Amino acid sequence: MGSEASSEDDDEFLETAADKRLRLAKEYISKVQEATAGGADEDYDAAQIDRDLIADRLMTDVHERSGKWSRRIASSLAQPMDLKASAPVGLVGYRVLRSGGRQPFTCVAVTPDGRFVYSGSKDGSLIKWERETGRKLATFRGQKKKQPAPINHALGHCDHILAVAISSDGKYVATGGRDRRIHVWSVIRDEHLGVFHQHKDAVTGLVFRRGINQLYSCSADRMVKLWNIDEMGYMDTLFGHQDGAVAIDVLQREQAVTAGGRDRTLRLWKITEDSQLVFRAGAATDQRKLAKMLKEDEKASHHESGQPTDDRSASSSLPATIAIAKAKVLRETNPQAKADAEEYKDLARRLARDDTELHEQCIDVVAMIDEETFVTGGDSGALSLWNTNKKKPTFIHHVAHGVHPDTNNSPALDPEDANALDASTNTDPVRPRWITALASVPFTDLFFSASSDGVVRMWQMRPGKATGFDLINVIPVAGYVNGLSVCELSPADALSPKREIVLAAAIGQEPRLGRWEKVKARSVVKVFQFSAKIQMSR
């Protein structure tokens, strides 16, 4: 026995680098073949099906490991949606989850298999829901801050829950709150597993790294921390932000993107290299930029109708013009999206005419499209697209969710009152709606944004060399959308291009991090399920 073991060790020691790569490749293909093995019908060629399954899986892995988005699904979600109908139009499923409490929901997360939805609220309670039935399965109630006995942190939060995240294997749920604690719960057993208390201020963001139970957290104490959930241990602390970090996102690589709130910076943390890249936000929305955006839309309209344009630079911006024109064609079949786009153009013309200037003073949300691209939103209402190879935004969509009604010059008054009012006395500053939530379907061309304007917007990344994104659809909601979570369900048939997308929205009457504004709305979690079709970008 000893001689056999020593001979195997010698063979492994004598293995060359090329032999090792070949051996690992064979092991990987055998694992993929086992993972994709399924019960195929006898009428089909089983060997050919296996080859197609393995090829499709390998191609998907190659695209995802390259770190760039390669799947197009947004165009298949452009159909109009009617939630008021007895059977919701444009959706596979739609459900409203109500807890019965008065405190607003602040965050939400969907398990990778789409079975469960977790929500956190300002009363410190974490609720587990069954997505398909809307049934409440478990409630982990928060503790009262003012109680005679000492607070037992093993029982849960004693203040607002501000963030929730679920591991990619669906075993763990992590919550962070204003009590400076991170709690970890078991999805299977519905029990508390542990608590971390190393942060010195409110925990504002949590996210699990894909494929591994490594948790990233950001806090108002300006620190980013890493945790090993399998070992329930602390790993590392990252420093750099000059103000509290309010949002964080991670995909597969050992790197994270954080939004620094009022320090107006975004930081890409490269964990293995122990370094960080700093991206400075704070872009301004002014007359020139609004006019440029309207001009691009006009060029797209000419291109769509086949009319010639006199712009000499049209050839250089042709990919973007074509992408905008295609998005307009998609919106033509959707009355809601078309009306929303026209209303936005009217607002942009009015702001440009009035020479309005809006300055981004705070970055509130961030979502990664792929390993090199991410999108951010802040208090100026602008959605900014970033690339890790450039220090400035590659594209900005200004005032993406409009402005507050008290600063919108739409005809909300009666004609007699409007004539009696002197326009020169209206000196109220324009207040854009903050971007309160962002979520993306990783490695695809689809992401969602939300605010307090009553809709969740769907955006499509422009293909090829065209930089930017365009609106393709809107989903009606009511209230402050404080959190969005997206889950892509794995199909039963691995060869099928159809995918089910689940979107959950945490809605309340007030913002997640404060109470400076209140709207009339119910505290609910709305869950939408869409059917999408994937096209690969070659």
Protein backbone atom coordinates (compact mmCIF):
# COMPACT_ATOMS: atom_id res chain seq x y z
CA MET A 1 0.00 0.00 0.00
CA GLY A 2 2.82 2.36 0.88
CA SER A 3 4.62 1.71 -2.41
CA GLU A 4 1.43 2.37 -4.42
CA ALA A 5 0.84 5.67 -2.63
CA SER A 6 4.46 6.73 -3.17
CA SER A 7 4.27 5.88 -6.90
CA GLU A 8 1.12 8.02 -7.24
CA ASP A 9 2.89 10.90 -5.48
CA ASP A 10 5.88 10.52 -7.80
CA ASP A 11 3.60 10.60 -10.88
CA GLU A 12 1.96 13.76 -9.62
CA PHE A 13 5.33 15.30 -8.88
CA LEU A 14 6.61 14.45 -12.38
CA GLU A 15 3.49 15.91 -14.04
CA THR A 16 4.30 18.81 -16.34
CA ALA A 17 2.32 22.05 -16.53
CA ALA A 18 0.76 20.99 -19.84
CA ASP A 19 -0.27 17.62 -18.40
CA LYS A 20 -1.77 19.33 -15.38
CA ARG A 21 -3.84 21.68 -17.56
CA LEU A 22 -5.06 18.71 -19.59
CA ARG A 23 -5.98 16.75 -16.47
CA LEU A 24 -7.84 19.69 -14.92
CA ALA A 25 -9.70 20.33 -18.19
CA LYS A 26 -10.85 16.70 -18.32
CA GLU A 27 -11.98 16.85 -14.71
CA TYR A 28 -13.88 20.08 -15.38
CA ILE A 29 -15.65 18.64 -18.44
CA SER A 30 -16.61 15.51 -16.50
CA LYS A 31 -18.08 17.67 -13.72
CA VAL A 32 -20.02 19.74 -16.26
CA GLN A 33 -21.28 16.55 -17.90
CA GLU A 34 -22.53 15.27 -14.54
CA ALA A 35 -24.15 18.61 -13.73
CA THR A 36 -25.94 18.85 -17.07
CA ALA A 37 -27.01 15.20 -17.24
CA GLY A 38 -30.77 15.00 -17.46
CA GLY A 39 -33.58 12.73 -18.52
CA ALA A 40 -33.73 13.20 -22.29
CA ASP A 41 -36.49 11.60 -24.38
CA GLU A 42 -35.68 8.46 -26.32
CA ASP A 43 -36.58 10.14 -29.62
CA TYR A 44 -33.48 12.36 -29.42
CA ASP A 45 -29.84 11.56 -29.88
CA ALA A 46 -28.56 11.42 -26.29
CA ALA A 47 -24.94 11.86 -27.31
CA GLN A 48 -25.72 14.96 -29.37
CA ILE A 49 -27.79 16.41 -26.52
CA ASP A 50 -24.88 15.86 -24.13
CA ARG A 51 -22.49 17.59 -26.52
CA ASP A 52 -24.86 20.55 -26.91
CA LEU A 53 -25.41 20.83 -23.16
CA ILE A 54 -21.69 20.77 -22.44
CA ALA A 55 -20.94 23.25 -25.23
CA ASP A 56 -23.64 25.63 -23.98
CA ARG A 57 -22.41 25.38 -20.39
CA LEU A 58 -18.78 25.90 -21.42
CA MET A 59 -19.71 28.92 -23.55
CA THR A 60 -21.67 30.45 -20.66
CA ASP A 61 -18.77 29.89 -18.26
CA VAL A 62 -16.32 31.46 -20.72
CA HIS A 63 -18.47 34.56 -21.11
CA GLU A 64 -19.02 34.96 -17.36
CA ARG A 65 -15.36 34.43 -16.51
CA SER A 66 -14.37 37.01 -19.09
CA GLY A 67 -16.20 39.49 -16.85
CA LYS A 68 -18.23 41.16 -19.62
CA TRP A 69 -21.95 41.04 -20.25
CA SER A 70 -22.83 38.90 -23.23
CA ARG A 71 -26.50 37.94 -22.94
CA ARG A 72 -29.28 40.12 -24.32
CA ILE A 73 -32.68 39.71 -22.66
CA ALA A 74 -34.02 43.25 -22.27
CA SER A 75 -35.70 43.49 -25.67
CA SER A 76 -37.98 40.54 -24.81
CA LEU A 77 -39.42 42.48 -21.83
CA ALA A 78 -40.78 45.47 -23.72
CA GLN A 79 -44.43 44.36 -23.73
CA PRO A 80 -46.90 46.56 -21.79
CA MET A 81 -47.86 45.55 -18.26
CA ASP A 82 -51.24 45.96 -16.59
CA LEU A 83 -51.28 45.07 -12.90
CA LYS A 84 -54.92 46.06 -12.37
CA ALA A 85 -56.30 43.33 -14.63
CA SER A 86 -57.64 40.13 -13.07
CA ALA A 87 -54.78 38.30 -14.79
CA PRO A 88 -51.79 40.70 -14.92
CA VAL A 89 -50.78 41.41 -18.51
CA GLY A 90 -47.12 41.12 -19.52
CA LEU A 91 -46.19 39.13 -16.42
CA VAL A 92 -45.85 35.44 -15.61
CA GLY A 93 -46.58 36.15 -11.96
CA TYR A 94 -47.33 39.08 -9.67
CA ARG A 95 -47.84 39.11 -5.91
CA VAL A 96 -48.12 41.71 -3.15
CA LEU A 97 -46.73 40.73 0.27
CA ARG A 98 -48.19 42.56 3.26
CA SER A 99 -46.87 42.23 6.79
CA GLY A 100 -49.59 44.22 8.52
CA GLY A 101 -47.06 46.51 10.19
CA ARG A 102 -46.85 50.27 9.85
CA GLN A 103 -43.08 50.61 9.53
CA PRO A 104 -41.79 50.83 5.95
CA PHE A 105 -39.80 48.07 4.30
CA THR A 106 -36.18 49.05 3.75
CA CYS A 107 -34.62 46.07 1.92
CA VAL A 108 -35.46 42.83 0.16
CA ALA A 109 -33.67 39.75 -1.21
CA VAL A 110 -34.76 36.72 -3.26
CA THR A 111 -33.16 33.31 -2.86
CA PRO A 112 -31.27 31.99 -5.94
CA ASP A 113 -33.92 29.35 -6.63
CA GLY A 114 -36.71 31.93 -6.36
CA ARG A 115 -38.61 30.01 -3.66
CA PHE A 116 -38.32 32.50 -0.81
CA VAL A 117 -38.26 36.26 -0.34
CA TYR A 118 -36.72 37.96 2.70
CA SER A 119 -37.64 41.50 3.71
CA GLY A 120 -36.37 43.87 6.40
CA SER A 121 -38.14 46.88 7.86
CA LYS A 122 -37.65 49.80 10.23
CA ASP A 123 -39.21 47.90 13.13
CA GLY A 124 -36.17 45.62 13.17
CA SER A 125 -38.02 42.49 11.98
CA LEU A 126 -36.92 40.08 9.24
CA ILE A 127 -39.72 38.24 7.42
CA LYS A 128 -39.42 35.11 5.29
CA TRP A 129 -42.06 34.73 2.57
CA GLU A 130 -42.98 31.95 0.17
CA ARG A 131 -42.85 33.66 -3.20
CA GLU A 132 -45.43 31.64 -5.14
CA THR A 133 -48.17 31.70 -2.49
CA GLY A 134 -47.26 34.92 -0.66
CA ARG A 135 -47.46 33.07 2.65
CA LYS A 136 -45.46 34.34 5.62
CA LEU A 137 -43.26 31.44 6.72
CA ALA A 138 -41.23 32.96 9.55
CA THR A 139 -40.81 36.26 11.35
CA PHE A 140 -37.70 37.20 13.31
CA ARG A 141 -38.96 40.11 15.35
CA GLY A 142 -36.75 42.96 16.42
CA GLN A 143 -36.12 43.85 20.04
CA LYS A 144 -37.17 47.05 21.71
CA LYS A 145 -34.35 49.49 22.32
CA LYS A 146 -35.86 50.74 25.57
CA GLN A 147 -36.33 47.63 27.66
CA PRO A 148 -35.42 46.97 31.30
CA ALA A 149 -33.30 43.87 30.63
CA PRO A 150 -30.00 44.05 28.70
CA ILE A 151 -30.37 43.61 24.96
CA ASN A 152 -29.63 40.06 23.79
CA HIS A 153 -28.06 40.53 20.36
CA ALA A 154 -28.42 36.82 19.63
CA LEU A 155 -32.17 37.35 19.28
CA GLY A 156 -32.00 39.85 16.42
CA HIS A 157 -31.80 43.55 15.66
CA CYS A 158 -32.84 46.30 18.07
CA ASP A 159 -33.09 49.06 15.44
CA HIS A 160 -33.84 49.58 11.74
CA ILE A 161 -32.73 46.82 9.35
CA LEU A 162 -31.04 48.56 6.43
CA ALA A 163 -29.62 45.70 4.34
CA VAL A 164 -30.26 42.03 3.61
CA ALA A 165 -28.31 39.56 1.43
CA ILE A 166 -28.59 35.85 0.56
CA SER A 167 -25.66 33.57 -0.27
CA SER A 168 -25.44 32.10 -3.77
CA ASP A 169 -25.97 28.56 -2.43
CA GLY A 170 -29.17 29.69 -0.72
CA LYS A 171 -28.10 28.56 2.76
CA TYR A 172 -27.46 31.83 4.58
CA VAL A 173 -29.23 35.15 5.05
CA ALA A 174 -27.33 38.14 6.42
CA THR A 175 -28.92 41.33 7.74
CA GLY A 176 -27.34 44.63 8.76
CA GLY A 177 -28.91 47.48 10.65
CA ARG A 178 -28.66 50.80 12.39
CA ASP A 179 -27.69 48.98 15.61
CA ARG A 180 -24.22 48.38 14.04
CA ARG A 181 -24.73 44.60 13.99
CA ILE A 182 -24.63 41.98 11.22
CA HIS A 183 -26.80 38.94 11.92
CA VAL A 184 -26.57 35.64 10.03
CA TRP A 185 -29.55 33.30 9.75
CA SER A 186 -30.12 29.82 8.33
CA VAL A 187 -32.50 29.63 5.38
CA ILE A 188 -33.15 25.90 5.84
CA ARG A 189 -33.61 25.75 9.62
CA ASP A 190 -34.95 29.30 10.17
CA GLU A 191 -32.63 29.93 13.09
CA HIS A 192 -30.07 32.48 14.18
CA LEU A 193 -26.46 31.42 13.55
CA GLY A 194 -24.32 34.30 14.74
CA VAL A 195 -23.72 38.02 15.01
CA PHE A 196 -20.82 40.31 14.04
CA HIS A 197 -20.36 43.57 15.91
CA GLN A 198 -17.08 44.99 14.56
CA HIS A 199 -18.67 47.94 12.73
CA LYS A 200 -18.79 51.20 14.68
CA ASP A 201 -21.82 52.72 12.94
CA ALA A 202 -24.90 51.68 10.99
CA VAL A 203 -24.42 48.82 8.51
CA THR A 204 -25.80 50.21 5.25
CA GLY A 205 -24.94 47.54 2.66
CA LEU A 206 -24.43 43.77 2.42
CA VAL A 207 -23.67 41.47 -0.51
CA PHE A 208 -22.42 37.90 -0.96
CA ARG A 209 -19.78 37.08 -3.53
CA ARG A 210 -21.14 34.77 -6.22
CA GLY A 211 -20.10 31.13 -5.89
CA ILE A 212 -18.59 31.46 -2.41
CA ASN A 213 -19.91 32.23 1.06
CA GLN A 214 -17.88 35.39 1.46
CA LEU A 215 -19.81 38.39 2.75
CA TYR A 216 -18.95 42.03 2.06
CA SER A 217 -20.35 44.81 4.24
CA CYS A 218 -20.17 48.60 4.15
CA SER A 219 -21.06 51.01 6.92
CA ALA A 220 -21.53 54.62 7.92
CA ASP A 221 -18.24 54.25 9.81
CA ARG A 222 -16.53 54.58 6.37
CA MET A 223 -15.20 51.02 6.46
CA VAL A 224 -15.71 47.98 4.22
CA LYS A 225 -15.34 44.59 5.90
CA LEU A 226 -15.05 41.01 4.67
CA TRP A 227 -16.46 37.97 6.44
CA ASN A 228 -16.17 34.20 6.00
CA ILE A 229 -19.65 32.87 6.70
CA ASP A 230 -18.69 29.17 6.51
CA GLU A 231 -16.29 29.73 9.42
CA MET A 232 -18.35 32.59 10.91
CA GLY A 233 -15.22 34.69 11.10
CA TYR A 234 -13.85 38.13 10.32
CA MET A 235 -11.41 38.42 7.38
CA ASP A 236 -10.34 41.97 6.56
CA THR A 237 -11.12 45.69 6.74
CA LEU A 238 -10.75 48.17 3.87
CA PHE A 239 -10.26 51.90 4.42
CA GLY A 240 -10.52 54.83 2.05
CA HIS A 241 -13.92 56.55 2.05
CA GLN A 242 -14.11 60.02 3.57
CA ASP A 243 -17.81 59.67 4.36
CA GLY A 244 -20.09 56.78 5.21
CA ALA A 245 -20.31 54.09 2.51
CA VAL A 246 -24.00 53.58 1.70
CA ALA A 247 -24.03 50.88 -1.01
CA ILE A 248 -21.91 47.95 -2.18
CA ASP A 249 -22.00 45.33 -4.93
CA VAL A 250 -19.92 42.26 -5.83
CA LEU A 251 -20.03 39.64 -8.58
CA GLN A 252 -17.64 36.70 -9.07
CA ARG A 253 -14.19 38.25 -8.86
CA GLU A 254 -12.60 39.11 -5.55
CA GLN A 255 -13.38 42.79 -5.93
CA ALA A 256 -16.16 45.11 -4.78
CA VAL A 257 -17.61 48.48 -5.76
CA THR A 258 -18.82 50.86 -3.06
CA ALA A 259 -20.64 54.20 -3.14
CA GLY A 260 -19.29 56.76 -0.67
CA GLY A 261 -22.38 58.88 -0.15
CA ARG A 262 -21.45 62.52 0.32
CA ASP A 263 -17.75 62.08 -0.39
CA ARG A 264 -18.96 61.68 -4.01
CA THR A 265 -16.55 58.85 -4.80
CA LEU A 266 -16.91 55.30 -6.01
CA ARG A 267 -14.21 52.86 -5.08
CA LEU A 268 -13.29 49.58 -6.75
CA TRP A 269 -11.57 47.43 -4.14
CA LYS A 270 -9.16 44.83 -5.56
CA ILE A 271 -8.82 42.48 -2.63
CA THR A 272 -6.04 40.22 -3.92
CA GLU A 273 -3.90 43.18 -4.99
CA ASP A 274 -4.64 45.13 -1.80
CA SER A 275 -5.41 48.23 -3.86
CA GLN A 276 -8.32 50.47 -4.81
CA LEU A 277 -9.40 52.59 -7.76
CA VAL A 278 -11.17 55.88 -7.03
CA PHE A 279 -13.85 57.25 -9.38
CA ARG A 280 -15.03 60.78 -8.66
CA ALA A 281 -18.70 61.48 -9.30
CA GLY A 282 -20.55 64.75 -8.88
CA ALA A 283 -21.57 65.31 -12.49
CA ALA A 284 -23.69 68.39 -13.20
CA THR A 285 -26.93 68.50 -15.17
CA ASP A 286 -27.09 71.75 -17.14
CA GLN A 287 -28.59 73.26 -20.27
CA ARG A 288 -25.80 72.05 -22.57
CA LYS A 289 -26.03 68.42 -21.49
CA LEU A 290 -29.81 68.35 -21.66
CA ALA A 291 -29.73 69.89 -25.15
CA LYS A 292 -27.18 67.29 -26.26
CA MET A 293 -29.38 64.47 -24.99
CA LEU A 294 -32.41 65.87 -26.82
CA LYS A 295 -30.35 66.23 -29.99
CA GLU A 296 -29.35 62.56 -29.87
CA ASP A 297 -32.99 61.58 -29.52
CA GLU A 298 -33.89 63.78 -32.49
CA LYS A 299 -31.20 62.15 -34.63
CA ALA A 300 -32.58 58.74 -33.67
CA SER A 301 -36.07 59.85 -34.77
CA HIS A 302 -34.68 60.93 -38.16
CA HIS A 303 -32.86 57.63 -38.51
CA GLU A 304 -35.99 55.69 -37.62
CA SER A 305 -38.07 57.54 -40.24
CA GLY A 306 -35.32 57.38 -42.87
CA GLN A 307 -34.94 61.16 -43.08
CA PRO A 308 -31.47 62.59 -43.76
CA THR A 309 -29.62 64.59 -41.11
CA ASP A 310 -27.37 67.61 -41.56
CA ASP A 311 -25.17 66.74 -38.57
CA ARG A 312 -21.61 66.19 -39.78
CA SER A 313 -20.76 64.12 -36.69
CA ALA A 314 -23.63 61.71 -37.32
CA SER A 315 -21.33 59.03 -38.69
CA SER A 316 -19.23 58.96 -35.51
CA SER A 317 -22.30 58.56 -33.30
CA LEU A 318 -24.15 56.17 -35.64
CA PRO A 319 -24.02 53.12 -33.27
CA ALA A 320 -25.64 55.14 -30.46
CA THR A 321 -28.21 56.58 -32.87
CA ILE A 322 -29.17 53.10 -34.07
CA ALA A 323 -29.44 51.83 -30.48
CA ILE A 324 -31.69 54.74 -29.47
CA ALA A 325 -33.84 54.20 -32.56
CA LYS A 326 -34.26 50.49 -31.75
CA ALA A 327 -35.30 51.35 -28.20
CA LYS A 328 -37.86 53.81 -29.57
CA VAL A 329 -39.26 51.07 -31.83
CA LEU A 330 -39.66 48.78 -28.81
CA ARG A 331 -41.44 51.53 -26.86
CA GLU A 332 -43.88 52.18 -29.73
CA THR A 333 -45.66 48.91 -28.87
CA ASN A 334 -45.89 49.87 -25.17
CA PRO A 335 -48.21 52.82 -24.43
CA GLN A 336 -46.94 53.18 -20.84
CA ALA A 337 -43.26 53.32 -21.79
CA LYS A 338 -43.97 55.57 -24.77
CA ALA A 339 -45.94 58.06 -22.64
CA ASP A 340 -43.22 58.00 -19.97
CA ALA A 341 -40.51 58.72 -22.58
CA GLU A 342 -42.52 61.62 -24.06
CA GLU A 343 -43.12 63.09 -20.60
CA TYR A 344 -39.41 62.87 -19.90
CA LYS A 345 -38.55 64.72 -23.13
CA ASP A 346 -40.98 67.49 -22.23
CA LEU A 347 -39.34 67.79 -18.81
CA ALA A 348 -35.85 67.89 -20.36
CA ARG A 349 -36.91 70.66 -22.78
CA ARG A 350 -38.40 72.68 -19.93
CA LEU A 351 -35.29 72.32 -17.77
CA ALA A 352 -33.05 73.24 -20.70
CA ARG A 353 -35.19 76.29 -21.48
CA ASP A 354 -35.05 77.47 -17.87
CA ASP A 355 -31.26 76.97 -17.79
CA THR A 356 -31.57 74.65 -14.79
CA GLU A 357 -28.42 73.34 -13.12
CA LEU A 358 -28.42 70.26 -10.89
CA HIS A 359 -25.31 69.09 -9.09
CA GLU A 360 -24.77 65.59 -7.75
CA GLN A 361 -23.92 65.90 -4.06
CA CYS A 362 -24.46 62.33 -2.92
CA ILE A 363 -24.06 58.86 -4.46
CA ASP A 364 -26.63 56.53 -2.93
CA VAL A 365 -26.82 53.31 -4.96
CA VAL A 366 -24.59 51.16 -7.17
CA ALA A 367 -25.14 47.98 -9.20
CA MET A 368 -22.63 45.98 -11.24
CA ILE A 369 -23.59 45.02 -14.80
CA ASP A 370 -20.46 42.90 -15.22
CA GLU A 371 -16.97 42.84 -13.75
CA GLU A 372 -15.93 45.97 -15.67
CA THR A 373 -19.18 47.96 -15.88
CA PHE A 374 -21.41 49.38 -13.16
CA VAL A 375 -24.19 51.94 -12.85
CA THR A 376 -24.81 54.46 -10.06
CA GLY A 377 -27.52 56.86 -8.94
CA GLY A 378 -27.71 59.77 -6.55
CA ASP A 379 -29.52 62.87 -5.36
CA SER A 380 -29.41 64.67 -8.73
CA GLY A 381 -31.60 61.96 -10.27
CA ALA A 382 -28.91 61.07 -12.81
CA LEU A 383 -28.05 57.48 -13.73
CA SER A 384 -24.33 57.20 -14.52
CA LEU A 385 -22.63 54.37 -16.37
CA TRP A 386 -19.02 53.62 -15.45
CA ASN A 387 -16.21 51.48 -16.80
CA THR A 388 -13.30 50.35 -14.64
CA ASN A 389 -10.85 51.56 -17.29
CA LYS A 390 -12.09 55.16 -17.21
CA LYS A 391 -12.20 57.65 -14.36
CA LYS A 392 -15.28 59.52 -15.58
CA PRO A 393 -18.76 58.22 -16.46
CA THR A 394 -19.03 56.89 -19.99
CA PHE A 395 -22.72 57.83 -20.16
CA ILE A 396 -25.17 59.84 -18.02
CA HIS A 397 -28.96 59.82 -18.21
CA HIS A 398 -30.02 63.04 -16.50
CA VAL A 399 -33.08 63.37 -14.22
CA ALA A 400 -33.98 59.75 -14.93
CA HIS A 401 -37.02 59.70 -12.61
CA GLY A 402 -38.23 63.26 -13.08
CA VAL A 403 -38.68 65.99 -10.48
CA HIS A 404 -40.97 66.47 -7.52
CA PRO A 405 -44.46 67.80 -8.35
CA ASP A 406 -43.96 71.07 -6.48
CA THR A 407 -41.14 71.97 -8.87
CA ASN A 408 -42.61 70.48 -12.01
CA ASN A 409 -44.20 73.20 -14.12
CA SER A 410 -46.88 70.91 -15.45
CA PRO A 411 -50.43 72.41 -15.53
CA ALA A 412 -51.54 71.13 -12.13
CA LEU A 413 -53.49 74.34 -11.27
CA ASP A 414 -56.74 75.63 -12.68
CA PRO A 415 -56.34 78.09 -15.57
CA GLU A 416 -57.71 81.00 -13.49
CA ASP A 417 -55.26 80.31 -10.66
CA ALA A 418 -52.41 79.93 -13.11
CA ASN A 419 -53.16 83.30 -14.70
CA ALA A 420 -53.40 84.98 -11.32
CA LEU A 421 -50.02 83.60 -10.26
CA ASP A 422 -47.03 85.68 -11.26
CA ALA A 423 -44.40 83.37 -12.71
CA SER A 424 -41.64 85.64 -11.51
CA THR A 425 -42.51 84.91 -7.88
CA ASN A 426 -42.02 81.16 -8.36
CA THR A 427 -38.46 80.85 -7.09
CA ASP A 428 -38.68 77.27 -5.78
CA PRO A 429 -35.56 75.32 -6.77
CA VAL A 430 -35.96 72.25 -8.92
CA ARG A 431 -35.89 69.11 -6.75
CA PRO A 432 -35.09 66.00 -8.75
CA ARG A 433 -36.21 62.64 -7.46
CA TRP A 434 -33.33 60.73 -5.91
CA ILE A 435 -32.42 57.32 -7.27
CA THR A 436 -33.29 55.13 -4.30
CA ALA A 437 -32.67 51.61 -5.65
CA LEU A 438 -30.77 49.82 -8.42
CA ALA A 439 -30.56 46.16 -9.41
CA SER A 440 -29.21 44.30 -12.43
CA VAL A 441 -29.38 40.84 -13.95
CA PRO A 442 -25.62 40.12 -13.93
CA PHE A 443 -23.85 39.64 -17.27
CA THR A 444 -26.91 40.73 -19.26
CA ASP A 445 -28.07 44.00 -20.82
CA LEU A 446 -30.89 44.54 -18.31
CA PHE A 447 -31.05 46.58 -15.12
CA PHE A 448 -33.75 48.31 -13.05
CA SER A 449 -33.92 51.66 -11.25
CA ALA A 450 -36.47 53.10 -8.84
CA SER A 451 -37.31 56.25 -6.92
CA SER A 452 -40.48 57.76 -5.41
CA ASP A 453 -42.21 58.62 -8.71
CA GLY A 454 -44.47 55.56 -8.80
CA VAL A 455 -42.63 53.38 -11.33
CA VAL A 456 -39.71 50.99 -11.58
CA ARG A 457 -37.88 51.59 -14.85
CA MET A 458 -36.32 48.92 -17.06
CA TRP A 459 -33.17 49.89 -18.93
CA GLN A 460 -31.42 48.19 -21.83
CA MET A 461 -27.67 48.43 -22.35
CA ARG A 462 -26.74 49.46 -25.88
CA PRO A 463 -25.04 46.68 -27.85
CA GLY A 464 -21.66 46.66 -29.55
CA LYS A 465 -19.66 49.88 -29.64
CA ALA A 466 -22.60 52.06 -28.63
CA THR A 467 -22.09 53.29 -25.06
CA GLY A 468 -25.12 53.93 -22.90
CA PHE A 469 -28.56 52.57 -22.11
CA ASP A 470 -32.17 53.28 -23.03
CA LEU A 471 -35.57 52.98 -21.37
CA ILE A 472 -37.62 50.02 -22.62
CA ASN A 473 -40.40 49.59 -20.05
CA VAL A 474 -41.93 50.83 -16.80
CA ILE A 475 -43.54 48.88 -13.95
CA PRO A 476 -46.17 50.79 -11.91
CA VAL A 477 -45.63 50.87 -8.14
CA ALA A 478 -46.57 53.39 -5.45
CA GLY A 479 -44.37 54.75 -2.69
CA TYR A 480 -40.66 54.92 -1.92
CA VAL A 481 -38.87 51.94 -3.45
CA ASN A 482 -36.14 51.39 -0.87
CA GLY A 483 -34.74 48.17 -2.27
CA LEU A 484 -34.70 45.99 -5.38
CA SER A 485 -33.60 42.37 -5.75
CA VAL A 486 -33.38 40.37 -8.99
CA CYS A 487 -33.10 36.62 -9.44
CA GLU A 488 -32.63 34.69 -12.68
CA LEU A 489 -34.23 31.24 -12.37
CA SER A 490 -32.43 28.28 -13.95
CA PRO A 491 -34.58 26.56 -16.60
CA ALA A 492 -35.43 22.86 -16.49
CA ASP A 493 -34.12 22.54 -20.05
CA ALA A 494 -30.54 23.79 -20.18
CA LEU A 495 -30.78 24.28 -23.96
CA SER A 496 -33.86 26.51 -23.76
CA PRO A 497 -33.22 30.22 -24.41
CA LYS A 498 -36.16 31.15 -22.16
CA ARG A 499 -35.48 32.45 -18.68
CA GLU A 500 -37.69 33.46 -15.78
CA ILE A 501 -36.70 36.75 -14.10
CA VAL A 502 -37.99 37.51 -10.59
CA LEU A 503 -37.94 41.11 -9.36
CA ALA A 504 -38.81 42.05 -5.78
CA ALA A 505 -39.33 45.64 -4.61
CA ALA A 506 -39.38 46.81 -0.96
CA ILE A 507 -41.79 49.75 -0.73
CA GLY A 508 -42.49 52.17 2.10
CA GLN A 509 -43.79 55.64 2.88
CA GLU A 510 -40.34 57.14 3.56
CA PRO A 511 -36.69 56.74 2.53
CA ARG A 512 -34.53 53.91 3.83
CA LEU A 513 -31.97 56.05 5.65
CA GLY A 514 -34.19 58.81 7.01
CA ARG A 515 -37.57 60.43 7.40
CA TRP A 516 -37.13 63.73 5.60
CA GLU A 517 -40.07 63.04 3.31
CA LYS A 518 -43.25 61.02 3.42
CA VAL A 519 -45.63 59.85 0.70
CA LYS A 520 -49.04 58.22 0.87
CA ALA A 521 -48.37 54.54 0.24
CA ARG A 522 -48.63 51.14 1.89
CA SER A 523 -45.64 49.26 3.21
CA VAL A 524 -45.55 46.20 0.98
CA VAL A 525 -43.18 43.98 -0.96
CA LYS A 526 -44.16 43.55 -4.60
CA VAL A 527 -42.84 40.55 -6.52
CA PHE A 528 -42.90 40.39 -10.31
CA GLN A 529 -42.02 37.44 -12.53
CA PHE A 530 -41.18 37.95 -16.21
CA SER A 531 -40.50 35.55 -19.04
CA ALA A 532 -37.44 36.56 -21.05
CA LYS A 533 -35.60 35.15 -24.04
CA ILE A 534 -31.81 35.14 -24.11
CA GLN A 535 -29.71 36.02 -27.13
CA MET A 536 -25.95 35.65 -26.93
CA SER A 537 -23.70 38.51 -28.08
CA ARG A 538 -20.92 37.14 -30.26
